[in-house]
């Protein structure tokens, strides 16, 4: 039985290192926070304080956004690995 991670529909593929974030259903703030934190695209990695100021959110909220996005990515990768093993 194959389950869809976190309600995603369709194929979702993050392209790391090219600044593209193709996860269907992801929230814009999550995407922006992850891009800023890890320096995806043409930007340098940023600290939480800078991300917080740019998004207009408290640091703990930025941390929650990033953690949620990383959990989604982790689940997506686990699902892909499960499909490859099948």
Protein backbone atom coordinates (compact mmCIF):
# COMPACT_ATOMS: atom_id res chain seq x y z
CA UNK A 1 0.00 0.00 0.00
CA UNK A 2 1.45 3.34 -1.05
CA UNK A 3 0.53 6.44 0.89
CA UNK A 4 0.91 10.01 -0.31
CA UNK A 5 3.10 12.09 2.01
CA UNK A 6 1.34 14.92 3.83
CA UNK A 7 -1.46 15.18 1.31
CA UNK A 8 0.75 15.81 -1.72
CA UNK A 9 -0.83 15.02 -5.04
CA UNK A 10 1.25 14.19 -8.05
CA UNK A 11 5.00 13.93 -8.37
CA UNK A 12 7.06 16.21 -6.19
CA UNK A 13 10.77 16.69 -6.81
CA UNK A 14 13.02 19.18 -5.03
CA UNK A 15 16.00 20.19 -7.14
CA UNK A 16 18.71 21.06 -4.65
CA UNK A 17 21.53 23.30 -5.79
CA UNK A 18 19.58 24.90 -8.61
CA UNK A 19 17.37 27.11 -6.44
CA UNK A 20 14.22 25.40 -7.61
CA UNK A 21 11.69 24.04 -5.15
CA UNK A 22 9.06 21.94 -6.87
CA UNK A 23 7.01 20.48 -4.07
CA UNK A 24 3.37 20.65 -4.96
CA UNK A 25 1.34 21.98 -2.04
CA UNK A 26 4.26 23.54 -0.16
CA UNK A 27 3.67 26.91 1.37
CA UNK A 28 5.47 29.95 0.02
CA UNK A 29 6.85 30.94 3.43
CA UNK A 30 8.28 27.45 3.99
CA UNK A 31 9.96 27.54 0.60
CA UNK A 32 11.42 30.99 1.15
CA UNK A 33 12.63 30.14 4.66
CA UNK A 34 14.40 26.95 3.49
CA UNK A 35 15.95 28.71 0.50
CA UNK A 36 17.28 31.47 2.75
CA UNK A 37 18.47 29.16 5.53
CA UNK A 38 20.42 26.81 3.25
CA UNK A 39 21.50 29.32 0.61
CA UNK A 40 19.62 27.76 -2.29
CA UNK A 41 19.55 29.62 -5.56
CA UNK A 42 21.79 32.64 -5.79
CA UNK A 43 21.86 33.59 -2.12
CA UNK A 44 24.20 32.86 0.77
CA UNK A 45 22.90 30.87 3.77
CA UNK A 46 21.22 33.16 6.30
CA UNK A 47 20.90 33.02 10.07
CA UNK A 48 17.48 32.82 11.72
CA UNK A 49 17.53 36.49 12.72
CA UNK A 50 17.90 37.61 9.09
CA UNK A 51 15.23 35.21 7.84
CA UNK A 52 12.93 36.33 10.64
CA UNK A 53 13.34 39.98 9.70
CA UNK A 54 12.86 39.36 5.98
CA UNK A 55 9.70 37.26 6.48
CA UNK A 56 8.38 39.47 9.28
CA UNK A 57 8.00 36.50 11.63
CA UNK A 58 9.45 35.65 15.04
CA UNK A 59 12.48 33.35 14.97
CA UNK A 60 10.61 30.48 16.60
CA UNK A 61 8.00 30.62 13.82
CA UNK A 62 10.72 30.54 11.14
CA UNK A 63 12.23 27.51 12.88
CA UNK A 64 8.81 25.81 12.81
CA UNK A 65 8.41 26.53 9.08
CA UNK A 66 11.84 25.12 8.27
CA UNK A 67 11.31 22.04 10.45
CA UNK A 68 7.94 21.33 8.84
CA UNK A 69 9.41 21.66 5.33
CA UNK A 70 12.32 19.37 6.22
CA UNK A 71 9.90 16.79 7.67
CA UNK A 72 7.96 16.86 4.41
CA UNK A 73 11.14 16.39 2.40
CA UNK A 74 12.24 13.55 4.65
CA UNK A 75 8.90 11.79 4.26
CA UNK A 76 8.99 12.35 0.49
CA UNK A 77 12.45 10.82 0.24
CA UNK A 78 11.42 7.86 2.40
CA UNK A 79 8.41 7.28 0.14
CA UNK A 80 10.62 7.42 -2.96
CA UNK A 81 13.03 4.92 -1.44
CA UNK A 82 10.10 2.65 -0.54
CA UNK A 83 8.86 2.78 -4.12
CA UNK A 84 12.34 2.01 -5.48
CA UNK A 85 12.65 -1.00 -3.17
CA UNK A 86 9.27 -2.38 -4.26
